[in-house]
Amino acid sequence: MDNPEPLKILKETIDKLKITKENLREIRKTNQTFPRQTNTRILDAFQSFAQFDRAPIWMMRQAGRYLPEFKEIMKNRDFFDACQDPFIAAEITLQPLKQFEIDAAIIFSDILTLPKAMGMEIVMDKEKGPIIKNKLETVEDINRIKSPDPESLEHVYDALYLTRQALQGKQTLIGFCGAPFTVFSYMVEGETSKMFLKTKKWVYQYTQETRKVLDLIARESAQYLINQVKEGGAQVVQIFDSFAGQIPPIDYIEFVLPSLRILLEGFKQECPNTPLIMFAKDQNGVEVILAFLKMCLGETPLIDGFQLDSNVSDEVLIKIIESDRTIQGNLEPGVLYGTQQIIKKRVSQMIEKLQTTRRYIMNLSHGLTPDHEVEKVRQFIQESIRQSKLYKVREILE
């Protein structure tokens, strides 16, 4: 590369494989051989009878603004420019793995990468977050949404490929996309919202038009995830429905789940053996979970695991465990502001409750934030690993 200085972690890999900006894509398309997987904890968590020493762990938004090295590499860089540079995106993805003993890397990208490729003009405001300049304001505006030019998403697959090579089989690589409803909400709100009034107006007043857009996003999202696996080397994928809780469960089931089914079926048709985690934030009630679990019946379950909120009920946990699905989560990230004692206590309670199933991945209930302290994050990881091992020992002794 012409400017390797920011690539402190990735440099060894690109030097070894003789990868440059000019030949990266050609190498990716002609050499899909990856290092042997030596850490299988994440992948084993989707198998009911695999042996394990402890539950695996990773964190949503683990590559982000709480890390000093992230702030350094993002200095004078636009957010989406960083996402679209596969070398920078891969480097950022790898940063938390140098800090912590975690079992997965989730690619540094954004849920708005796909809608950006579908014609949405998106900028990242440092205070407000993402802003869509050409949001959908009338039903006629949906005609502006287009299928993405395949070339416009190649940088994501390049970044995944670089990351998978750099991981050397020591961690599992996770790809992701935004769920149709969350992406649609951004499209009509134009930015994050407190009340989501425009989204609700579309859902209830322009129902058919809303379904049309949701279905389009679903089909494109399915192909996007397929390509992350087949072109980039992602080993697990997660769907983020960050705004799922903005409408009641009865409406989520009626208006949102049909498009999610399109996404899930499309992905599983092409990647039946790739684990898929569903995260419907604030929709962990019995009605919605049961509707999701119905999608898991049959020869090829559409969902392999559920990322859960911190307030999930025992009833829901039992339903998921009985359905032989993997549980991921679910410590409230605010706990990481607390003392070592409170972190230890809450981690213990989480593991006692959730590691009763073999199919468990330790995580937070949503993402890390810029004001989290690195050492508190480290305490969470170390304590989770320690207590998970202790739980396993007790289980063996009993």
Protein backbone atom coordinates (compact mmCIF):
# COMPACT_ATOMS: atom_id res chain seq x y z
CA MET A 1 0.00 0.00 0.00
CA ASP A 2 1.07 3.60 -0.61
CA ASN A 3 0.24 4.72 2.92
CA PRO A 4 0.54 1.81 5.39
CA GLU A 5 1.08 3.97 8.50
CA PRO A 6 -2.48 3.62 9.91
CA LEU A 7 -2.44 -0.15 9.37
CA LYS A 8 -0.65 -1.18 12.54
CA ILE A 9 -2.53 -4.49 12.86
CA LEU A 10 -3.37 -5.32 9.26
CA LYS A 11 0.10 -4.59 7.85
CA GLU A 12 1.49 -8.06 8.58
CA THR A 13 -1.35 -9.71 6.67
CA ILE A 14 -1.21 -7.50 3.58
CA ASP A 15 2.57 -7.82 3.44
CA LYS A 16 2.41 -11.60 3.73
CA LEU A 17 -0.27 -11.95 1.04
CA LYS A 18 1.23 -9.15 -1.09
CA ILE A 19 -2.11 -7.31 -1.13
CA THR A 20 -2.33 -3.76 -2.44
CA LYS A 21 -5.19 -1.41 -3.17
CA GLU A 22 -4.82 -2.28 -6.81
CA ASN A 23 -4.92 -6.08 -6.52
CA LEU A 24 -7.11 -6.66 -3.44
CA ARG A 25 -10.32 -7.35 -5.35
CA GLU A 26 -8.67 -9.66 -7.84
CA ILE A 27 -7.04 -11.66 -5.03
CA ARG A 28 -10.35 -11.88 -3.16
CA LYS A 29 -12.22 -13.14 -6.20
CA THR A 30 -9.60 -15.72 -7.14
CA ASN A 31 -8.47 -16.96 -3.72
CA GLN A 32 -11.21 -17.83 -1.24
CA THR A 33 -8.89 -19.96 0.91
CA PHE A 34 -8.83 -18.89 4.55
CA PRO A 35 -6.68 -19.96 7.51
CA ARG A 36 -7.87 -23.00 9.48
CA GLN A 37 -10.34 -22.11 12.24
CA THR A 38 -8.69 -22.82 15.59
CA ASN A 39 -11.17 -20.95 17.81
CA THR A 40 -14.61 -22.45 17.20
CA ARG A 41 -16.39 -21.24 20.35
CA ILE A 42 -18.82 -18.97 18.48
CA LEU A 43 -19.60 -21.55 15.79
CA ASP A 44 -19.94 -24.29 18.42
CA ALA A 45 -22.52 -22.18 20.26
CA PHE A 46 -24.92 -22.96 17.41
CA GLN A 47 -24.50 -26.71 18.01
CA SER A 48 -26.37 -28.37 20.84
CA PHE A 49 -23.79 -31.02 21.71
CA ALA A 50 -20.39 -29.46 20.96
CA GLN A 51 -17.82 -29.60 23.76
CA PHE A 52 -16.73 -26.26 25.24
CA ASP A 53 -14.53 -24.83 27.97
CA ARG A 54 -16.57 -21.64 28.40
CA ALA A 55 -19.22 -19.60 26.62
CA PRO A 56 -17.87 -17.36 23.82
CA ILE A 57 -17.94 -13.58 24.13
CA TRP A 58 -17.99 -10.51 21.89
CA MET A 59 -19.67 -7.08 22.16
CA MET A 60 -21.86 -5.04 19.88
CA ARG A 61 -20.03 -1.85 18.80
CA GLN A 62 -16.80 -3.32 20.16
CA ALA A 63 -14.90 -1.39 17.46
CA GLY A 64 -15.74 2.21 18.22
CA ARG A 65 -15.20 5.59 19.77
CA TYR A 66 -14.39 4.39 23.31
CA LEU A 67 -11.06 3.06 22.00
CA PRO A 68 -8.15 5.55 21.82
CA GLU A 69 -6.79 3.79 18.73
CA PHE A 70 -10.15 4.26 16.99
CA LYS A 71 -10.08 7.99 17.72
CA GLU A 72 -6.54 8.15 16.37
CA ILE A 73 -7.27 6.40 13.08
CA MET A 74 -10.49 8.40 12.58
CA LYS A 75 -8.76 11.73 13.09
CA ASN A 76 -9.51 13.83 9.99
CA ARG A 77 -11.49 10.93 8.45
CA ASP A 78 -15.16 10.98 7.51
CA PHE A 79 -17.12 8.05 8.97
CA PHE A 80 -18.45 6.72 5.68
CA ASP A 81 -15.09 7.28 3.98
CA ALA A 82 -13.58 4.97 6.61
CA CYS A 83 -16.32 2.39 6.01
CA GLN A 84 -15.68 2.52 2.26
CA ASP A 85 -11.92 2.04 2.59
CA PRO A 86 -11.57 -1.73 3.09
CA PHE A 87 -8.09 -1.43 4.60
CA ILE A 88 -9.20 1.13 7.21
CA ALA A 89 -12.45 -0.75 7.90
CA ALA A 90 -10.53 -4.00 8.46
CA GLU A 91 -7.97 -2.28 10.69
CA ILE A 92 -10.74 -0.79 12.85
CA THR A 93 -12.49 -4.18 13.01
CA LEU A 94 -9.31 -5.74 14.38
CA GLN A 95 -8.57 -3.07 17.01
CA PRO A 96 -10.63 -4.50 19.92
CA LEU A 97 -9.12 -7.94 19.34
CA LYS A 98 -5.74 -6.53 20.29
CA GLN A 99 -7.21 -5.07 23.46
CA PHE A 100 -9.41 -7.92 24.70
CA GLU A 101 -9.78 -11.70 24.78
CA ILE A 102 -12.89 -11.92 22.60
CA ASP A 103 -14.05 -14.66 20.27
CA ALA A 104 -15.51 -12.72 17.32
CA ALA A 105 -14.84 -9.75 15.09
CA ILE A 106 -17.84 -7.91 13.65
CA ILE A 107 -17.01 -5.97 10.52
CA PHE A 108 -16.74 -2.19 10.90
CA SER A 109 -19.56 -0.86 8.75
CA ASP A 110 -23.00 0.66 9.24
CA ILE A 111 -26.60 -0.46 8.79
CA LEU A 112 -27.02 2.47 6.37
CA THR A 113 -24.35 1.17 3.99
CA LEU A 114 -27.00 -0.67 1.97
CA PRO A 115 -29.55 2.19 1.72
CA LYS A 116 -26.69 4.48 0.77
CA ALA A 117 -26.06 2.16 -2.18
CA MET A 118 -29.80 2.22 -2.95
CA GLY A 119 -29.85 5.96 -3.61
CA MET A 120 -30.09 7.53 -0.17
CA GLU A 121 -27.77 10.53 0.29
CA ILE A 122 -26.35 10.05 3.80
CA VAL A 123 -23.89 12.10 5.81
CA MET A 124 -22.62 11.49 9.33
CA ASP A 125 -23.11 14.45 11.65
CA LYS A 126 -20.79 14.34 14.68
CA GLU A 127 -23.58 15.46 17.01
CA LYS A 128 -26.77 14.06 15.46
CA GLY A 129 -25.44 10.90 13.85
CA PRO A 130 -26.52 9.83 10.34
CA ILE A 131 -28.67 12.27 8.36
CA ILE A 132 -30.43 11.39 5.09
CA LYS A 133 -30.62 14.43 2.84
CA ASN A 134 -33.17 12.98 0.40
CA LYS A 135 -35.52 11.19 2.80
CA LEU A 136 -38.84 9.77 1.64
CA GLU A 137 -41.51 12.44 2.14
CA THR A 138 -44.24 11.37 -0.29
CA VAL A 139 -45.32 8.02 -1.68
CA GLU A 140 -43.98 9.12 -5.07
CA ASP A 141 -40.51 9.30 -3.52
CA ILE A 142 -40.29 5.53 -3.27
CA ASN A 143 -39.65 5.49 -7.01
CA ARG A 144 -36.22 6.96 -6.23
CA ILE A 145 -35.17 3.80 -4.40
CA LYS A 146 -33.17 1.53 -6.66
CA SER A 147 -31.37 -1.77 -6.46
CA PRO A 148 -27.74 -1.07 -5.67
CA ASP A 149 -25.04 -1.24 -8.27
CA PRO A 150 -23.14 -4.39 -7.19
CA GLU A 151 -19.88 -2.45 -7.43
CA SER A 152 -21.08 -0.04 -4.74
CA LEU A 153 -20.91 -2.72 -2.03
CA GLU A 154 -17.70 -4.48 -3.06
CA HIS A 155 -15.72 -2.51 -0.46
CA VAL A 156 -17.65 -4.33 2.30
CA TYR A 157 -16.71 -7.73 0.92
CA ASP A 158 -13.11 -6.55 0.50
CA ALA A 159 -12.99 -5.48 4.16
CA LEU A 160 -14.48 -8.79 5.29
CA TYR A 161 -11.92 -10.71 3.24
CA LEU A 162 -8.99 -8.75 4.66
CA THR A 163 -10.30 -9.23 8.19
CA ARG A 164 -10.89 -12.97 7.78
CA GLN A 165 -7.34 -13.40 6.51
CA ALA A 166 -5.93 -11.33 9.40
CA LEU A 167 -7.90 -13.25 12.04
CA GLN A 168 -5.91 -16.40 11.24
CA GLY A 169 -8.77 -18.55 12.51
CA LYS A 170 -8.39 -17.18 16.05
CA GLN A 171 -11.79 -15.45 16.03
CA THR A 172 -15.03 -15.85 14.10
CA LEU A 173 -15.98 -13.17 11.56
CA ILE A 174 -19.48 -11.68 11.78
CA GLY A 175 -21.22 -9.75 9.01
CA PHE A 176 -24.46 -7.82 9.42
CA CYS A 177 -27.21 -5.68 7.96
CA GLY A 178 -30.01 -3.49 9.20
CA ALA A 179 -33.48 -5.01 9.28
CA PRO A 180 -35.98 -3.66 6.71
CA PHE A 181 -38.06 -1.78 9.29
CA THR A 182 -35.09 0.03 10.85
CA VAL A 183 -33.66 0.94 7.44
CA PHE A 184 -37.10 2.13 6.30
CA SER A 185 -37.46 4.25 9.46
CA TYR A 186 -34.20 6.02 8.66
CA MET A 187 -35.39 6.57 5.09
CA VAL A 188 -38.57 8.38 6.15
CA GLU A 189 -37.37 10.08 9.35
CA GLY A 190 -34.12 11.28 7.80
CA GLU A 191 -32.32 10.82 11.13
CA THR A 192 -32.74 9.18 14.51
CA SER A 193 -36.04 10.09 16.16
CA LYS A 194 -37.62 10.11 19.61
CA MET A 195 -41.23 9.56 18.54
CA PHE A 196 -40.91 8.03 15.05
CA LEU A 197 -44.07 9.83 14.00
CA LYS A 198 -43.22 9.82 10.30
CA THR A 199 -42.52 6.10 10.39
CA LYS A 200 -45.85 5.44 12.08
CA LYS A 201 -47.67 7.64 9.59
CA TRP A 202 -46.26 5.60 6.73
CA VAL A 203 -47.03 2.26 8.40
CA TYR A 204 -50.64 3.09 9.24
CA GLN A 205 -51.59 5.55 6.47
CA TYR A 206 -49.55 4.29 3.53
CA THR A 207 -49.55 0.63 4.42
CA GLN A 208 -49.27 -0.86 0.93
CA GLU A 209 -46.53 1.54 -0.08
CA THR A 210 -44.67 0.80 3.17
CA ARG A 211 -44.87 -2.93 2.52
CA LYS A 212 -43.54 -2.40 -0.99
CA VAL A 213 -40.47 -0.58 0.35
CA LEU A 214 -39.95 -3.07 3.19
CA ASP A 215 -40.05 -5.99 0.76
CA LEU A 216 -37.57 -4.29 -1.56
CA ILE A 217 -35.17 -3.63 1.32
CA ALA A 218 -35.62 -7.25 2.44
CA ARG A 219 -34.68 -8.70 -0.93
CA GLU A 220 -31.63 -6.47 -1.27
CA SER A 221 -30.59 -7.17 2.34
CA ALA A 222 -30.76 -10.92 1.73
CA GLN A 223 -28.44 -10.62 -1.26
CA TYR A 224 -26.17 -8.30 0.71
CA LEU A 225 -25.78 -10.87 3.49
CA ILE A 226 -25.32 -13.70 0.99
CA ASN A 227 -22.48 -11.76 -0.61
CA GLN A 228 -20.92 -11.03 2.77
CA VAL A 229 -20.68 -14.79 3.28
CA LYS A 230 -19.83 -15.97 -0.21
CA GLU A 231 -17.71 -13.04 -1.39
CA GLY A 232 -16.25 -11.76 1.87
CA GLY A 233 -15.95 -14.82 4.08
CA ALA A 234 -18.35 -13.90 6.91
CA GLN A 235 -18.97 -16.95 9.09
CA VAL A 236 -22.00 -15.67 11.04
CA VAL A 237 -24.45 -12.87 10.25
CA GLN A 238 -26.62 -10.69 12.47
CA ILE A 239 -29.69 -8.64 11.56
CA PHE A 240 -30.11 -5.45 13.58
CA ASP A 241 -33.69 -4.21 13.99
CA SER A 242 -32.70 -1.32 16.25
CA PHE A 243 -36.09 0.43 16.02
CA ALA A 244 -38.25 -2.69 16.31
CA GLY A 245 -39.76 -1.54 19.60
CA GLN A 246 -41.21 1.64 18.14
CA ILE A 247 -44.48 -0.06 17.20
CA PRO A 248 -46.60 -2.47 19.28
CA PRO A 249 -45.95 -6.22 19.01
CA ILE A 250 -49.26 -6.84 17.19
CA ASP A 251 -48.26 -4.37 14.47
CA TYR A 252 -44.68 -5.62 14.33
CA ILE A 253 -46.02 -9.10 13.63
CA GLU A 254 -48.51 -7.88 10.99
CA PHE A 255 -46.50 -5.22 9.18
CA VAL A 256 -42.82 -6.08 9.75
CA LEU A 257 -42.43 -9.85 10.01
CA PRO A 258 -43.54 -10.57 6.40
CA SER A 259 -40.61 -8.56 5.04
CA LEU A 260 -38.25 -10.15 7.55
CA ARG A 261 -39.40 -13.56 6.35
CA ILE A 262 -38.45 -12.55 2.79
CA LEU A 263 -34.99 -11.58 4.02
CA LEU A 264 -34.52 -14.71 6.12
CA GLU A 265 -35.79 -17.12 3.46
CA GLY A 266 -33.69 -15.47 0.77
CA PHE A 267 -30.55 -15.73 2.87
CA LYS A 268 -31.09 -19.27 4.11
CA GLN A 269 -31.88 -20.52 0.61
CA GLU A 270 -28.32 -19.65 -0.40
CA CYS A 271 -26.52 -20.02 2.95
CA PRO A 272 -28.42 -22.70 4.92
CA ASN A 273 -25.41 -23.58 7.09
CA THR A 274 -24.38 -20.05 8.05
CA PRO A 275 -25.67 -19.13 11.53
CA LEU A 276 -27.99 -16.11 11.61
CA ILE A 277 -28.70 -14.06 14.74
CA MET A 278 -31.84 -11.91 14.96
CA PHE A 279 -31.84 -8.77 17.11
CA ALA A 280 -35.27 -7.16 17.35
CA LYS A 281 -34.51 -4.54 19.99
CA ASP A 282 -37.31 -4.03 22.53
CA GLN A 283 -39.43 -6.75 20.91
CA ASN A 284 -38.58 -9.63 23.23
CA GLY A 285 -42.15 -10.28 24.32
CA VAL A 286 -43.78 -13.70 24.05
CA GLU A 287 -45.96 -12.83 21.01
CA VAL A 288 -43.08 -11.71 18.80
CA ILE A 289 -40.66 -14.42 19.93
CA LEU A 290 -43.29 -17.11 19.28
CA ALA A 291 -43.84 -15.65 15.80
CA PHE A 292 -40.10 -15.79 15.18
CA LEU A 293 -39.88 -19.35 16.51
CA LYS A 294 -42.54 -20.45 14.02
CA MET A 295 -40.02 -19.48 11.35
CA CYS A 296 -37.60 -21.98 12.90
CA LEU A 297 -39.79 -25.01 12.21
CA GLY A 298 -39.00 -27.21 9.25
CA GLU A 299 -35.85 -28.61 7.69
CA THR A 300 -33.98 -25.29 7.53
CA PRO A 301 -34.71 -22.98 10.51
CA LEU A 302 -34.64 -19.35 9.40
CA ILE A 303 -33.13 -18.08 12.66
CA ASP A 304 -30.28 -19.75 14.54
CA GLY A 305 -29.97 -17.39 17.49
CA PHE A 306 -31.56 -14.42 19.25
CA GLN A 307 -29.77 -11.38 20.63
CA LEU A 308 -31.81 -10.46 23.69
CA ASP A 309 -32.50 -7.30 25.66
CA SER A 310 -31.59 -7.07 29.34
CA ASN A 311 -35.25 -7.17 30.42
CA VAL A 312 -36.21 -10.42 28.68
CA SER A 313 -38.58 -12.59 30.72
CA ASP A 314 -37.96 -16.11 31.97
CA GLU A 315 -40.95 -17.26 29.92
CA VAL A 316 -39.33 -16.08 26.70
CA LEU A 317 -35.98 -17.62 27.64
CA ILE A 318 -37.65 -20.97 28.22
CA LYS A 319 -39.42 -20.79 24.84
CA ILE A 320 -36.13 -20.11 23.03
CA ILE A 321 -34.23 -22.82 24.91
CA GLU A 322 -36.99 -25.36 24.27
CA SER A 323 -36.79 -24.50 20.57
CA ASP A 324 -33.05 -25.28 20.58
CA ARG A 325 -32.07 -21.78 19.45
CA THR A 326 -28.93 -19.95 20.59
CA ILE A 327 -29.19 -17.08 23.08
CA GLN A 328 -26.89 -14.05 22.87
CA GLY A 329 -26.64 -11.26 25.39
CA ASN A 330 -27.69 -9.63 27.52
CA LEU A 331 -25.91 -7.39 30.06
CA GLU A 332 -27.15 -3.80 30.21
CA PRO A 333 -24.19 -1.70 28.94
CA GLY A 334 -24.85 0.88 31.66
CA VAL A 335 -23.54 -1.64 34.18
CA LEU A 336 -20.08 -0.99 32.74
CA TYR A 337 -20.19 2.50 34.26
CA GLY A 338 -20.34 0.87 37.68
CA THR A 339 -17.82 -0.43 40.17
CA GLN A 340 -15.95 -3.69 39.81
CA GLN A 341 -18.31 -5.15 42.40
CA ILE A 342 -21.48 -4.32 40.49
CA ILE A 343 -19.98 -5.57 37.20
CA LYS A 344 -19.03 -8.83 38.91
CA LYS A 345 -22.49 -9.19 40.46
CA ARG A 346 -24.44 -8.51 37.26
CA VAL A 347 -22.20 -10.77 35.17
CA SER A 348 -22.74 -13.56 37.70
CA GLN A 349 -26.52 -13.11 37.52
CA MET A 350 -26.42 -13.09 33.70
CA ILE A 351 -24.41 -16.30 33.48
CA GLU A 352 -26.42 -18.11 36.14
CA LYS A 353 -29.55 -17.35 34.13
CA LEU A 354 -28.37 -17.82 30.54
CA GLN A 355 -25.60 -20.40 30.60
CA THR A 356 -28.16 -23.00 31.60
CA THR A 357 -28.27 -23.64 27.85
CA ARG A 358 -25.22 -24.88 25.95
CA ARG A 359 -26.18 -22.57 23.11
CA TYR A 360 -25.11 -19.30 24.69
CA ILE A 361 -22.95 -16.35 23.56
CA MET A 362 -22.04 -13.70 26.14
CA ASN A 363 -22.69 -10.13 24.99
CA LEU A 364 -24.30 -6.86 26.02
CA SER A 365 -27.96 -6.03 25.45
CA HIS A 366 -26.98 -3.29 22.99
CA GLY A 367 -23.83 -1.52 21.86
CA LEU A 368 -20.94 0.10 23.67
CA THR A 369 -20.95 3.91 23.70
CA PRO A 370 -18.16 6.50 23.31
CA ASP A 371 -18.02 7.24 27.05
CA HIS A 372 -17.37 3.67 28.15
CA GLU A 373 -13.95 3.20 29.73
CA VAL A 374 -11.59 0.64 28.22
CA GLU A 375 -10.70 -0.81 31.61
CA LYS A 376 -14.35 -1.28 32.58
CA VAL A 377 -14.93 -3.09 29.30
CA ARG A 378 -11.91 -5.26 30.07
CA GLN A 379 -13.34 -6.06 33.52
CA PHE A 380 -16.61 -7.14 31.93
CA ILE A 381 -14.84 -9.49 29.52
CA GLN A 382 -12.45 -10.95 32.09
CA GLU A 383 -15.19 -11.46 34.65
CA SER A 384 -17.50 -13.03 32.08
CA ILE A 385 -14.82 -15.49 31.01
CA ARG A 386 -13.87 -16.31 34.61
CA GLN A 387 -17.42 -16.94 35.74
CA SER A 388 -18.35 -18.86 32.61
CA LYS A 389 -15.45 -21.25 33.26
CA LEU A 390 -16.49 -21.63 36.90
CA TYR A 391 -20.07 -22.38 35.86
CA LYS A 392 -18.78 -25.06 33.48
CA VAL A 393 -16.66 -26.64 36.23
CA ARG A 394 -19.63 -26.73 38.61
CA GLU A 395 -21.74 -28.28 35.87
CA ILE A 396 -19.17 -31.05 35.36
CA LEU A 397 -18.83 -31.72 39.09
CA GLU A 398 -22.57 -31.95 39.54
